[in-house]
Amino acid sequence: KRDGYRVEEPPMYLDFRLGNMCNLKCRMCQPQNSSQINKEYV
């Protein structure tokens, strides 16, 4: 609040979704989250 809403320290929590490689094709999922769904939709 004193520094223009900057945070000097790096994030303490990292959430990584490192690509859409998946072995399932859940009916409520989407191509961005599942390589199998993308193949199926194509």
PDB file of all heavy atoms in Angstrom:
ATOM      1  N   LYS A   1       0.825  -1.210   0.000  1.00  0.00           N
ATOM      2  CA  LYS A   1       0.000   0.000   0.000  1.00  0.00           C
ATOM      3  C   LYS A   1       0.858   1.258   0.000  1.00  0.00           C
ATOM      4  O   LYS A   1       0.449   2.308  -0.481  1.00  0.00           O
ATOM      5  CB  LYS A   1      -0.952  -0.008   1.208  1.00  0.00           C
ATOM      6  CG  LYS A   1      -2.033  -1.078   1.108  1.00  0.00           C
ATOM      7  CD  LYS A   1      -3.122  -0.881   2.129  1.00  0.00           C
ATOM      8  CE  LYS A   1      -2.784  -1.192   3.469  1.00  0.00           C
ATOM      9  NZ  LYS A   1      -3.903  -1.144   4.466  1.00  0.00           N
ATOM     10  N   ARG A   2       2.070   1.168   0.527  1.00  0.00           N
ATOM     11  CA  ARG A   2       2.983   2.312   0.570  1.00  0.00           C
ATOM     12  C   ARG A   2       3.869   2.402  -0.667  1.00  0.00           C
ATOM     13  O   ARG A   2       4.575   3.388  -0.851  1.00  0.00           O
ATOM     14  CB  ARG A   2       3.866   2.212   1.824  1.00  0.00           C
ATOM     15  CG  ARG A   2       3.100   2.235   3.144  1.00  0.00           C
ATOM     16  CD  ARG A   2       4.050   2.309   4.340  1.00  0.00           C
ATOM     17  NE  ARG A   2       4.908   1.137   4.433  1.00  0.00           N
ATOM     18  CZ  ARG A   2       4.600   0.046   5.139  1.00  0.00           C
ATOM     19  NH1 ARG A   2       3.443  -0.026   5.796  1.00  0.00           N
ATOM     20  NH2 ARG A   2       5.446  -0.976   5.178  1.00  0.00           N
ATOM     21  N   ASP A   3       3.831   1.350  -1.507  1.00  0.00           N
ATOM     22  CA  ASP A   3       4.776   1.263  -2.609  1.00  0.00           C
ATOM     23  C   ASP A   3       4.080   1.018  -3.945  1.00  0.00           C
ATOM     24  O   ASP A   3       4.558   0.247  -4.777  1.00  0.00           O
ATOM     25  CB  ASP A   3       5.799   0.148  -2.337  1.00  0.00           C
ATOM     26  CG  ASP A   3       7.011   0.214  -3.258  1.00  0.00           C
ATOM     27  OD1 ASP A   3       7.274   1.292  -3.825  1.00  0.00           O
ATOM     28  OD2 ASP A   3       7.681  -0.828  -3.412  1.00  0.00           O
ATOM     29  N   GLY A   4       2.941   1.692  -4.127  1.00  0.00           N
ATOM     30  CA  GLY A   4       2.244   1.580  -5.402  1.00  0.00           C
ATOM     31  C   GLY A   4       1.740   0.193  -5.705  1.00  0.00           C
ATOM     32  O   GLY A   4       1.628  -0.196  -6.874  1.00  0.00           O
ATOM     33  N   TYR A   5       1.449  -0.586  -4.658  1.00  0.00           N
ATOM     34  CA  TYR A   5       0.918  -1.954  -4.752  1.00  0.00           C
ATOM     35  C   TYR A   5       1.909  -2.930  -5.369  1.00  0.00           C
ATOM     36  O   TYR A   5       1.545  -3.953  -5.924  1.00  0.00           O
ATOM     37  CB  TYR A   5      -0.428  -1.957  -5.492  1.00  0.00           C
ATOM     38  CG  TYR A   5      -1.435  -1.060  -4.825  1.00  0.00           C
ATOM     39  CD1 TYR A   5      -1.649   0.242  -5.306  1.00  0.00           C
ATOM     40  CD2 TYR A   5      -2.114  -1.462  -3.690  1.00  0.00           C
ATOM     41  CE1 TYR A   5      -2.532   1.089  -4.666  1.00  0.00           C
ATOM     42  CE2 TYR A   5      -2.999  -0.605  -3.037  1.00  0.00           C
ATOM     43  CZ  TYR A   5      -3.208   0.660  -3.524  1.00  0.00           C
ATOM     44  OH  TYR A   5      -4.073   1.517  -2.884  1.00  0.00           O
ATOM     45  N   ARG A   6       3.191  -2.611  -5.242  1.00  0.00           N
ATOM     46  CA  ARG A   6       4.264  -3.521  -5.619  1.00  0.00           C
ATOM     47  C   ARG A   6       4.589  -4.447  -4.452  1.00  0.00           C
ATOM     48  O   ARG A   6       4.436  -4.096  -3.284  1.00  0.00           O
ATOM     49  CB  ARG A   6       5.516  -2.744  -6.020  1.00  0.00           C
ATOM     50  CG  ARG A   6       5.350  -1.850  -7.245  1.00  0.00           C
ATOM     51  CD  ARG A   6       6.650  -1.097  -7.539  1.00  0.00           C
ATOM     52  NE  ARG A   6       7.746  -2.041  -7.802  1.00  0.00           N
ATOM     53  CZ  ARG A   6       8.002  -2.559  -8.976  1.00  0.00           C
ATOM     54  NH1 ARG A   6       7.238  -2.249 -10.027  1.00  0.00           N
ATOM     55  NH2 ARG A   6       9.005  -3.407  -9.145  1.00  0.00           N
ATOM     56  N   VAL A   7       5.057  -5.662  -4.764  1.00  0.00           N
ATOM     57  CA  VAL A   7       5.540  -6.605  -3.767  1.00  0.00           C
ATOM     58  C   VAL A   7       6.953  -6.994  -4.170  1.00  0.00           C
ATOM     59  O   VAL A   7       7.168  -7.573  -5.244  1.00  0.00           O
ATOM     60  CB  VAL A   7       4.648  -7.861  -3.684  1.00  0.00           C
ATOM     61  CG1 VAL A   7       5.232  -8.869  -2.691  1.00  0.00           C
ATOM     62  CG2 VAL A   7       3.233  -7.484  -3.261  1.00  0.00           C
ATOM     63  N   GLU A   8       7.912  -6.654  -3.335  1.00  0.00           N
ATOM     64  CA  GLU A   8       9.302  -6.882  -3.690  1.00  0.00           C
ATOM     65  C   GLU A   8       9.703  -8.353  -3.604  1.00  0.00           C
ATOM     66  O   GLU A   8      10.499  -8.844  -4.396  1.00  0.00           O
ATOM     67  CB  GLU A   8      10.212  -6.040  -2.794  1.00  0.00           C
ATOM     68  CG  GLU A   8      10.042  -4.536  -2.999  1.00  0.00           C
ATOM     69  CD  GLU A   8      10.223  -4.122  -4.459  1.00  0.00           C
ATOM     70  OE1 GLU A   8      11.138  -4.670  -5.128  1.00  0.00           O
ATOM     71  OE2 GLU A   8       9.430  -3.285  -4.941  1.00  0.00           O
ATOM     72  N   GLU A   9       9.151  -9.075  -2.630  1.00  0.00           N
ATOM     73  CA  GLU A   9       9.483 -10.488  -2.495  1.00  0.00           C
ATOM     74  C   GLU A   9       8.813 -11.307  -3.596  1.00  0.00           C
ATOM     75  O   GLU A   9       7.722 -10.977  -4.048  1.00  0.00           O
ATOM     76  CB  GLU A   9       9.056 -11.027  -1.129  1.00  0.00           C
ATOM     77  CG  GLU A   9       9.694 -10.307   0.061  1.00  0.00           C
ATOM     78  CD  GLU A   9       8.874  -9.130   0.532  1.00  0.00           C
ATOM     79  OE1 GLU A   9       7.993  -8.659  -0.248  1.00  0.00           O
ATOM     80  OE2 GLU A   9       9.111  -8.678   1.661  1.00  0.00           O
ATOM     81  N   PRO A  10       9.439 -12.394  -4.020  1.00  0.00           N
ATOM     82  CA  PRO A  10       8.828 -13.237  -5.047  1.00  0.00           C
ATOM     83  C   PRO A  10       7.629 -13.997  -4.495  1.00  0.00           C
ATOM     84  O   PRO A  10       7.419 -14.047  -3.281  1.00  0.00           O
ATOM     85  CB  PRO A  10       9.962 -14.199  -5.423  1.00  0.00           C
ATOM     86  CG  PRO A  10      10.818 -14.272  -4.205  1.00  0.00           C
ATOM     87  CD  PRO A  10      10.765 -12.898  -3.601  1.00  0.00           C
ATOM     88  N   PRO A  11       6.823 -14.598  -5.351  1.00  0.00           N
ATOM     89  CA  PRO A  11       5.684 -15.383  -4.868  1.00  0.00           C
ATOM     90  C   PRO A  11       6.119 -16.528  -3.970  1.00  0.00           C
ATOM     91  O   PRO A  11       7.145 -17.161  -4.212  1.00  0.00           O
ATOM     92  CB  PRO A  11       5.018 -15.893  -6.150  1.00  0.00           C
ATOM     93  CG  PRO A  11       5.907 -15.552  -7.249  1.00  0.00           C
ATOM     94  CD  PRO A  11       6.930 -14.596  -6.829  1.00  0.00           C
ATOM     95  N   MET A  12       5.310 -16.783  -2.930  1.00  0.00           N
ATOM     96  CA  MET A  12       5.595 -17.909  -2.050  1.00  0.00           C
ATOM     97  C   MET A  12       4.784 -19.147  -2.433  1.00  0.00           C
ATOM     98  O   MET A  12       4.959 -20.221  -1.851  1.00  0.00           O
ATOM     99  CB  MET A  12       5.318 -17.535  -0.595  1.00  0.00           C
ATOM    100  CG  MET A  12       3.874 -17.206  -0.274  1.00  0.00           C
ATOM    101  SD  MET A  12       3.565 -16.864   1.491  1.00  0.00           S
ATOM    102  CE  MET A  12       4.420 -15.331   1.738  1.00  0.00           C
ATOM    103  N   TYR A  13       3.874 -18.996  -3.391  1.00  0.00           N
ATOM    104  CA  TYR A  13       3.045 -20.103  -3.833  1.00  0.00           C
ATOM    105  C   TYR A  13       3.035 -20.110  -5.354  1.00  0.00           C
ATOM    106  O   TYR A  13       2.580 -19.168  -5.996  1.00  0.00           O
ATOM    107  CB  TYR A  13       1.631 -19.945  -3.267  1.00  0.00           C
ATOM    108  CG  TYR A  13       0.655 -21.073  -3.550  1.00  0.00           C
ATOM    109  CD1 TYR A  13       1.047 -22.261  -4.147  1.00  0.00           C
ATOM    110  CD2 TYR A  13      -0.682 -20.935  -3.208  1.00  0.00           C
ATOM    111  CE1 TYR A  13       0.148 -23.285  -4.392  1.00  0.00           C
ATOM    112  CE2 TYR A  13      -1.600 -21.962  -3.434  1.00  0.00           C
ATOM    113  CZ  TYR A  13      -1.180 -23.120  -4.029  1.00  0.00           C
ATOM    114  OH  TYR A  13      -2.081 -24.142  -4.265  1.00  0.00           O
ATOM    115  N   LEU A  14       3.540 -21.195  -5.941  1.00  0.00           N
ATOM    116  CA  LEU A  14       3.580 -21.342  -7.388  1.00  0.00           C
ATOM    117  C   LEU A  14       2.661 -22.474  -7.812  1.00  0.00           C
ATOM    118  O   LEU A  14       2.744 -23.590  -7.308  1.00  0.00           O
ATOM    119  CB  LEU A  14       5.011 -21.628  -7.856  1.00  0.00           C
ATOM    120  CG  LEU A  14       6.037 -20.515  -7.591  1.00  0.00           C
ATOM    121  CD1 LEU A  14       7.426 -20.968  -8.035  1.00  0.00           C
ATOM    122  CD2 LEU A  14       5.646 -19.232  -8.308  1.00  0.00           C
ATOM    123  N   ASP A  15       1.775 -22.170  -8.736  1.00  0.00           N
ATOM    124  CA  ASP A  15       0.800 -23.116  -9.270  1.00  0.00           C
ATOM    125  C   ASP A  15       1.166 -23.353 -10.727  1.00  0.00           C
ATOM    126  O   ASP A  15       0.985 -22.490 -11.580  1.00  0.00           O
ATOM    127  CB  ASP A  15      -0.603 -22.519  -9.127  1.00  0.00           C
ATOM    128  CG  ASP A  15      -1.705 -23.408  -9.675  1.00  0.00           C
ATOM    129  OD1 ASP A  15      -1.414 -24.312 -10.476  1.00  0.00           O
ATOM    130  OD2 ASP A  15      -2.876 -23.165  -9.332  1.00  0.00           O
ATOM    131  N   PHE A  16       1.664 -24.561 -11.016  1.00  0.00           N
ATOM    132  CA  PHE A  16       2.167 -24.856 -12.352  1.00  0.00           C
ATOM    133  C   PHE A  16       1.298 -25.877 -13.069  1.00  0.00           C
ATOM    134  O   PHE A  16       1.138 -27.007 -12.616  1.00  0.00           O
ATOM    135  CB  PHE A  16       3.598 -25.370 -12.280  1.00  0.00           C
ATOM    136  CG  PHE A  16       4.618 -24.304 -11.980  1.00  0.00           C
ATOM    137  CD1 PHE A  16       5.700 -24.563 -11.168  1.00  0.00           C
ATOM    138  CD2 PHE A  16       4.490 -23.035 -12.526  1.00  0.00           C
ATOM    139  CE1 PHE A  16       6.639 -23.585 -10.893  1.00  0.00           C
ATOM    140  CE2 PHE A  16       5.418 -22.039 -12.251  1.00  0.00           C
ATOM    141  CZ  PHE A  16       6.504 -22.317 -11.434  1.00  0.00           C
ATOM    142  N   ARG A  17       0.752 -25.479 -14.198  1.00  0.00           N
ATOM    143  CA  ARG A  17       0.076 -26.366 -15.133  1.00  0.00           C
ATOM    144  C   ARG A  17       0.945 -26.387 -16.379  1.00  0.00           C
ATOM    145  O   ARG A  17       0.847 -25.507 -17.242  1.00  0.00           O
ATOM    146  CB  ARG A  17      -1.338 -25.874 -15.424  1.00  0.00           C
ATOM    147  CG  ARG A  17      -2.216 -25.939 -14.138  1.00  0.00           C
ATOM    148  CD  ARG A  17      -2.842 -24.621 -13.799  1.00  0.00           C
ATOM    149  NE  ARG A  17      -3.303 -24.565 -12.425  1.00  0.00           N
ATOM    150  CZ  ARG A  17      -4.530 -24.902 -12.009  1.00  0.00           C
ATOM    151  NH1 ARG A  17      -5.453 -25.252 -12.891  1.00  0.00           N
ATOM    152  NH2 ARG A  17      -4.851 -24.822 -10.743  1.00  0.00           N
ATOM    153  N   LEU A  18       1.848 -27.352 -16.439  1.00  0.00           N
ATOM    154  CA  LEU A  18       2.948 -27.358 -17.389  1.00  0.00           C
ATOM    155  C   LEU A  18       2.564 -28.067 -18.681  1.00  0.00           C
ATOM    156  O   LEU A  18       3.108 -29.092 -19.060  1.00  0.00           O
ATOM    157  CB  LEU A  18       4.181 -27.987 -16.753  1.00  0.00           C
ATOM    158  CG  LEU A  18       4.660 -27.294 -15.456  1.00  0.00           C
ATOM    159  CD1 LEU A  18       5.783 -28.075 -14.800  1.00  0.00           C
ATOM    160  CD2 LEU A  18       5.084 -25.863 -15.729  1.00  0.00           C
ATOM    161  N   GLY A  19       1.600 -27.501 -19.376  1.00  0.00           N
ATOM    162  CA  GLY A  19       1.099 -28.092 -20.608  1.00  0.00           C
ATOM    163  C   GLY A  19      -0.165 -28.890 -20.382  1.00  0.00           C
ATOM    164  O   GLY A  19      -0.624 -29.091 -19.252  1.00  0.00           O
ATOM    165  N   ASN A  20      -0.763 -29.364 -21.460  1.00  0.00           N
ATOM    166  CA  ASN A  20      -2.051 -30.051 -21.395  1.00  0.00           C
ATOM    167  C   ASN A  20      -1.942 -31.569 -21.562  1.00  0.00           C
ATOM    168  O   ASN A  20      -2.959 -32.229 -21.816  1.00  0.00           O
ATOM    169  CB  ASN A  20      -3.008 -29.475 -22.442  1.00  0.00           C
ATOM    170  CG  ASN A  20      -2.624 -29.835 -23.867  1.00  0.00           C
ATOM    171  OD1 ASN A  20      -1.467 -30.147 -24.147  1.00  0.00           O
ATOM    172  ND2 ASN A  20      -3.586 -29.776 -24.785  1.00  0.00           N
ATOM    173  N   MET A  21      -0.741 -32.135 -21.413  1.00  0.00           N
ATOM    174  CA  MET A  21      -0.598 -33.582 -21.563  1.00  0.00           C
ATOM    175  C   MET A  21      -1.457 -34.306 -20.538  1.00  0.00           C
ATOM    176  O   MET A  21      -1.336 -34.113 -19.337  1.00  0.00           O
ATOM    177  CB  MET A  21       0.862 -34.003 -21.403  1.00  0.00           C
ATOM    178  CG  MET A  21       1.076 -35.515 -21.637  1.00  0.00           C
ATOM    179  SD  MET A  21       2.794 -36.037 -21.380  1.00  0.00           S
ATOM    180  CE  MET A  21       3.575 -35.133 -22.718  1.00  0.00           C
ATOM    181  N   CYS A  22      -2.341 -35.151 -21.018  1.00  0.00           N
ATOM    182  CA  CYS A  22      -3.242 -35.886 -20.138  1.00  0.00           C
ATOM    183  C   CYS A  22      -3.573 -37.223 -20.773  1.00  0.00           C
ATOM    184  O   CYS A  22      -3.583 -37.355 -22.004  1.00  0.00           O
ATOM    185  CB  CYS A  22      -4.526 -35.084 -19.885  1.00  0.00           C
ATOM    186  SG  CYS A  22      -5.564 -35.791 -18.560  1.00  0.00           S
ATOM    187  N   ASN A  23      -3.859 -38.206 -19.929  1.00  0.00           N
ATOM    188  CA  ASN A  23      -4.199 -39.536 -20.414  1.00  0.00           C
ATOM    189  C   ASN A  23      -5.703 -39.799 -20.370  1.00  0.00           C
ATOM    190  O   ASN A  23      -6.145 -40.889 -20.720  1.00  0.00           O
ATOM    191  CB  ASN A  23      -3.460 -40.608 -19.605  1.00  0.00           C
ATOM    192  CG  ASN A  23      -3.708 -40.491 -18.111  1.00  0.00           C
ATOM    193  OD1 ASN A  23      -4.235 -39.497 -17.614  1.00  0.00           O
ATOM    194  ND2 ASN A  23      -3.319 -41.507 -17.354  1.00  0.00           N
ATOM    195  N   LEU A  24      -6.485 -38.793 -19.944  1.00  0.00           N
ATOM    196  CA  LEU A  24      -7.934 -38.938 -19.880  1.00  0.00           C
ATOM    197  C   LEU A  24      -8.616 -37.886 -20.746  1.00  0.00           C
ATOM    198  O   LEU A  24      -7.994 -36.946 -21.232  1.00  0.00           O
ATOM    199  CB  LEU A  24      -8.432 -38.823 -18.436  1.00  0.00           C
ATOM    200  CG  LEU A  24      -7.897 -39.834 -17.432  1.00  0.00           C
ATOM    201  CD1 LEU A  24      -8.621 -39.681 -16.098  1.00  0.00           C
ATOM    202  CD2 LEU A  24      -8.015 -41.265 -17.935  1.00  0.00           C
ATOM    203  N   LYS A  25      -9.909 -38.061 -20.928  1.00  0.00           N
ATOM    204  CA  LYS A  25     -10.713 -37.115 -21.697  1.00  0.00           C
ATOM    205  C   LYS A  25     -12.059 -36.933 -20.990  1.00  0.00           C
ATOM    206  O   LYS A  25     -13.090 -37.408 -21.455  1.00  0.00           O
ATOM    207  CB  LYS A  25     -10.885 -37.594 -23.145  1.00  0.00           C
ATOM    208  CG  LYS A  25     -11.183 -39.075 -23.312  1.00  0.00           C
ATOM    209  CD  LYS A  25     -11.168 -39.501 -24.764  1.00  0.00           C
ATOM    210  CE  LYS A  25     -11.449 -40.995 -24.906  1.00  0.00           C
ATOM    211  NZ  LYS A  25     -11.417 -41.424 -26.328  1.00  0.00           N
ATOM    212  N   CYS A  26     -12.011 -36.232 -19.874  1.00  0.00           N
ATOM    213  CA  CYS A  26     -13.189 -36.025 -19.042  1.00  0.00           C
ATOM    214  C   CYS A  26     -14.231 -35.188 -19.783  1.00  0.00           C
ATOM    215  O   CYS A  26     -13.891 -34.214 -20.456  1.00  0.00           O
ATOM    216  CB  CYS A  26     -12.806 -35.354 -17.733  1.00  0.00           C
ATOM    217  SG  CYS A  26     -11.519 -36.245 -16.819  1.00  0.00           S
ATOM    218  N   ARG A  27     -15.465 -35.575 -19.645  1.00  0.00           N
ATOM    219  CA  ARG A  27     -16.537 -34.927 -20.383  1.00  0.00           C
ATOM    220  C   ARG A  27     -16.709 -33.456 -20.035  1.00  0.00           C
ATOM    221  O   ARG A  27     -17.239 -32.695 -20.857  1.00  0.00           O
ATOM    222  CB  ARG A  27     -17.853 -35.682 -20.171  1.00  0.00           C
ATOM    223  CG  ARG A  27     -17.891 -37.032 -20.879  1.00  0.00           C
ATOM    224  CD  ARG A  27     -19.096 -37.863 -20.556  1.00  0.00           C
ATOM    225  NE  ARG A  27     -19.090 -39.088 -21.339  1.00  0.00           N
ATOM    226  CZ  ARG A  27     -19.866 -39.352 -22.394  1.00  0.00           C
ATOM    227  NH1 ARG A  27     -20.763 -38.459 -22.773  1.00  0.00           N
ATOM    228  NH2 ARG A  27     -19.764 -40.489 -23.048  1.00  0.00           N
ATOM    229  N   MET A  28     -16.298 -33.024 -18.861  1.00  0.00           N
ATOM    230  CA  MET A  28     -16.455 -31.628 -18.478  1.00  0.00           C
ATOM    231  C   MET A  28     -15.169 -30.838 -18.643  1.00  0.00           C
ATOM    232  O   MET A  28     -15.049 -29.695 -18.213  1.00  0.00           O
ATOM    233  CB  MET A  28     -16.934 -31.506 -17.023  1.00  0.00           C
ATOM    234  CG  MET A  28     -15.956 -31.988 -15.973  1.00  0.00           C
ATOM    235  SD  MET A  28     -15.758 -33.792 -16.002  1.00  0.00           S
ATOM    236  CE  MET A  28     -14.628 -34.090 -14.692  1.00  0.00           C
ATOM    237  N   CYS A  29     -14.157 -31.428 -19.287  1.00  0.00           N
ATOM    238  CA  CYS A  29     -12.885 -30.755 -19.483  1.00  0.00           C
ATOM    239  C   CYS A  29     -12.842 -30.108 -20.864  1.00  0.00           C
ATOM    240  O   CYS A  29     -13.835 -30.053 -21.586  1.00  0.00           O
ATOM    241  CB  CYS A  29     -11.742 -31.745 -19.277  1.00  0.00           C
ATOM    242  SG  CYS A  29     -10.134 -30.969 -18.980  1.00  0.00           S
ATOM    243  N   GLN A  30     -11.678 -29.620 -21.256  1.00  0.00           N
ATOM    244  CA  GLN A  30     -11.534 -28.865 -22.497  1.00  0.00           C
ATOM    245  C   GLN A  30     -10.155 -29.107 -23.086  1.00  0.00           C
ATOM    246  O   GLN A  30      -9.230 -29.573 -22.403  1.00  0.00           O
ATOM    247  CB  GLN A  30     -11.748 -27.373 -22.223  1.00  0.00           C
ATOM    248  CG  GLN A  30     -10.812 -26.852 -21.141  1.00  0.00           C
ATOM    249  CD  GLN A  30     -11.108 -25.458 -20.722  1.00  0.00           C
ATOM    250  OE1 GLN A  30     -11.253 -24.589 -21.573  1.00  0.00           O
ATOM    251  NE2 GLN A  30     -11.186 -25.203 -19.434  1.00  0.00           N
ATOM    252  N   PRO A  31      -9.974 -28.811 -24.366  1.00  0.00           N
ATOM    253  CA  PRO A  31      -8.699 -29.087 -25.019  1.00  0.00           C
ATOM    254  C   PRO A  31      -7.496 -28.420 -24.364  1.00  0.00           C
ATOM    255  O   PRO A  31      -6.407 -28.981 -24.353  1.00  0.00           O
ATOM    256  CB  PRO A  31      -8.910 -28.555 -26.434  1.00  0.00           C
ATOM    257  CG  PRO A  31     -10.380 -28.617 -26.647  1.00  0.00           C
ATOM    258  CD  PRO A  31     -10.980 -28.304 -25.309  1.00  0.00           C
ATOM    259  N   GLN A  32      -7.695 -27.229 -23.815  1.00  0.00           N
ATOM    260  CA  GLN A  32      -6.583 -26.525 -23.188  1.00  0.00           C
ATOM    261  C   GLN A  32      -6.016 -27.283 -21.999  1.00  0.00           C
ATOM    262  O   GLN A  32      -4.862 -27.077 -21.630  1.00  0.00           O
ATOM    263  CB  GLN A  32      -7.025 -25.127 -22.733  1.00  0.00           C
ATOM    264  CG  GLN A  32      -7.398 -24.204 -23.866  1.00  0.00           C
ATOM    265  CD  GLN A  32      -8.875 -24.223 -24.205  1.00  0.00           C
ATOM    266  OE1 GLN A  32      -9.511 -25.279 -24.172  1.00  0.00           O
ATOM    267  NE2 GLN A  32      -9.421 -23.075 -24.518  1.00  0.00           N
ATOM    268  N   ASN A  33      -6.809 -28.169 -21.408  1.00  0.00           N
ATOM    269  CA  ASN A  33      -6.374 -28.916 -20.237  1.00  0.00           C
ATOM    270  C   ASN A  33      -6.181 -30.404 -20.493  1.00  0.00           C
ATOM    271  O   ASN A  33      -5.807 -31.132 -19.570  1.00  0.00           O
ATOM    272  CB  ASN A  33      -7.374 -28.732 -19.090  1.00  0.00           C
ATOM    273  CG  ASN A  33      -7.406 -27.305 -18.565  1.00  0.00           C
ATOM    274  OD1 ASN A  33      -6.372 -26.641 -18.497  1.00  0.00           O
ATOM    275  ND2 ASN A  33      -8.568 -26.814 -18.217  1.00  0.00           N
ATOM    276  N   SER A  34      -6.437 -30.853 -21.677  1.00  0.00           N
ATOM    277  CA  SER A  34      -6.302 -32.276 -21.979  1.00  0.00           C
ATOM    278  C   SER A  34      -5.929 -32.495 -23.431  1.00  0.00           C
ATOM    279  O   SER A  34      -6.708 -32.188 -24.342  1.00  0.00           O
ATOM    280  CB  SER A  34      -7.597 -33.030 -21.664  1.00  0.00           C
ATOM    281  OG  SER A  34      -7.543 -34.354 -22.158  1.00  0.00           O
ATOM    282  N   SER A  35      -4.749 -33.044 -23.653  1.00  0.00           N
ATOM    283  CA  SER A  35      -4.314 -33.370 -25.005  1.00  0.00           C
ATOM    284  C   SER A  35      -5.224 -34.414 -25.646  1.00  0.00           C
ATOM    285  O   SER A  35      -5.430 -34.398 -26.861  1.00  0.00           O
ATOM    286  CB  SER A  35      -2.870 -33.872 -24.983  1.00  0.00           C
ATOM    287  OG  SER A  35      -2.727 -34.967 -24.070  1.00  0.00           O
ATOM    288  N   GLN A  36      -5.783 -35.320 -24.831  1.00  0.00           N
ATOM    289  CA  GLN A  36      -6.662 -36.353 -25.366  1.00  0.00           C
ATOM    290  C   GLN A  36      -7.980 -35.761 -25.864  1.00  0.00           C
ATOM    291  O   GLN A  36      -8.509 -36.189 -26.896  1.00  0.00           O
ATOM    292  CB  GLN A  36      -6.930 -37.422 -24.306  1.00  0.00           C
ATOM    293  CG  GLN A  36      -5.712 -38.254 -23.943  1.00  0.00           C
ATOM    294  CD  GLN A  36      -5.141 -38.991 -25.135  1.00  0.00           C
ATOM    295  OE1 GLN A  36      -5.869 -39.603 -25.907  1.00  0.00           O
ATOM    296  NE2 GLN A  36      -3.822 -38.919 -25.298  1.00  0.00           N
ATOM    297  N   ILE A  37      -8.516 -34.787 -25.127  1.00  0.00           N
ATOM    298  CA  ILE A  37      -9.738 -34.128 -25.580  1.00  0.00           C
ATOM    299  C   ILE A  37      -9.472 -33.366 -26.869  1.00  0.00           C
ATOM    300  O   ILE A  37     -10.280 -33.377 -27.794  1.00  0.00           O
ATOM    301  CB  ILE A  37     -10.294 -33.186 -24.501  1.00  0.00           C
ATOM    302  CG1 ILE A  37     -10.886 -34.008 -23.371  1.00  0.00           C
ATOM    303  CG2 ILE A  37     -11.372 -32.260 -25.079  1.00  0.00           C
ATOM    304  CD1 ILE A  37     -11.506 -33.202 -22.299  1.00  0.00           C
ATOM    305  N   ASN A  38      -8.334 -32.696 -26.929  1.00  0.00           N
ATOM    306  CA  ASN A  38      -8.015 -31.953 -28.143  1.00  0.00           C
ATOM    307  C   ASN A  38      -7.964 -32.890 -29.350  1.00  0.00           C
ATOM    308  O   ASN A  38      -8.523 -32.577 -30.409  1.00  0.00           O
ATOM    309  CB  ASN A  38      -6.681 -31.224 -27.982  1.00  0.00           C
ATOM    310  CG  ASN A  38      -6.466 -30.186 -29.058  1.00  0.00           C
ATOM    311  OD1 ASN A  38      -7.231 -29.237 -29.185  1.00  0.00           O
ATOM    312  ND2 ASN A  38      -5.434 -30.364 -29.864  1.00  0.00           N
ATOM    313  N   LYS A  39      -7.321 -34.040 -29.206  1.00  0.00           N
ATOM    314  CA  LYS A  39      -7.257 -35.015 -30.293  1.00  0.00           C
ATOM    315  C   LYS A  39      -8.658 -35.484 -30.679  1.00  0.00           C
ATOM    316  O   LYS A  39      -8.977 -35.617 -31.863  1.00  0.00           O
ATOM    317  CB  LYS A  39      -6.400 -36.209 -29.879  1.00  0.00           C
ATOM    318  CG  LYS A  39      -4.918 -35.908 -29.750  1.00  0.00           C
ATOM    319  CD  LYS A  39      -4.159 -37.149 -29.285  1.00  0.00           C
ATOM    320  CE  LYS A  39      -2.675 -36.849 -29.100  1.00  0.00           C
ATOM    321  NZ  LYS A  39      -1.924 -38.044 -28.607  1.00  0.00           N
ATOM    322  N   GLU A  40      -9.479 -35.731 -29.667  1.00  0.00           N
ATOM    323  CA  GLU A  40     -10.827 -36.216 -29.926  1.00  0.00           C
ATOM    324  C   GLU A  40     -11.657 -35.169 -30.661  1.00  0.00           C
ATOM    325  O   GLU A  40     -12.365 -35.487 -31.620  1.00  0.00           O
ATOM    326  CB  GLU A  40     -11.509 -36.604 -28.618  1.00  0.00           C
ATOM    327  CG  GLU A  40     -12.909 -37.184 -28.796  1.00  0.00           C
ATOM    328  CD  GLU A  40     -13.469 -37.727 -27.506  1.00  0.00           C
ATOM    329  OE1 GLU A  40     -13.674 -36.934 -26.566  1.00  0.00           O
ATOM    330  OE2 GLU A  40     -13.706 -38.943 -27.419  1.00  0.00           O
ATOM    331  N   TYR A  41     -11.588 -33.930 -30.210  1.00  0.00           N
ATOM    332  CA  TYR A  41     -12.355 -32.869 -30.850  1.00  0.00           C
ATOM    333  C   TYR A  41     -11.913 -32.644 -32.296  1.00  0.00           C
ATOM    334  O   TYR A  41     -12.738 -32.424 -33.192  1.00  0.00           O
ATOM    335  CB  TYR A  41     -12.222 -31.572 -30.055  1.00  0.00           C
ATOM    336  CG  TYR A  41     -13.069 -31.503 -28.803  1.00  0.00           C
ATOM    337  CD1 TYR A  41     -13.799 -32.592 -28.362  1.00  0.00           C
ATOM    338  CD2 TYR A  41     -13.133 -30.334 -28.057  1.00  0.00           C
ATOM    339  CE1 TYR A  41     -14.570 -32.527 -27.218  1.00  0.00           C
ATOM    340  CE2 TYR A  41     -13.905 -30.249 -26.901  1.00  0.00           C
ATOM    341  CZ  TYR A  41     -14.611 -31.338 -26.486  1.00  0.00           C
ATOM    342  OH  TYR A  41     -15.366 -31.259 -25.347  1.00  0.00           O
ATOM    343  N   VAL A  42     -10.609 -32.690 -32.537  1.00  0.00           N
ATOM    344  CA  VAL A  42     -10.101 -32.542 -33.897  1.00  0.00           C
ATOM    345  C   VAL A  42     -10.628 -33.671 -34.785  1.00  0.00           C
ATOM    346  O   VAL A  42     -11.047 -33.439 -35.922  1.00  0.00           O
ATOM    347  CB  VAL A  42      -8.561 -32.516 -33.903  1.00  0.00           C
ATOM    348  CG1 VAL A  42      -8.024 -32.626 -35.326  1.00  0.00           C
ATOM    349  CG2 VAL A  42      -8.043 -31.245 -33.241  1.00  0.00           C
TER     350      VAL A  42
END
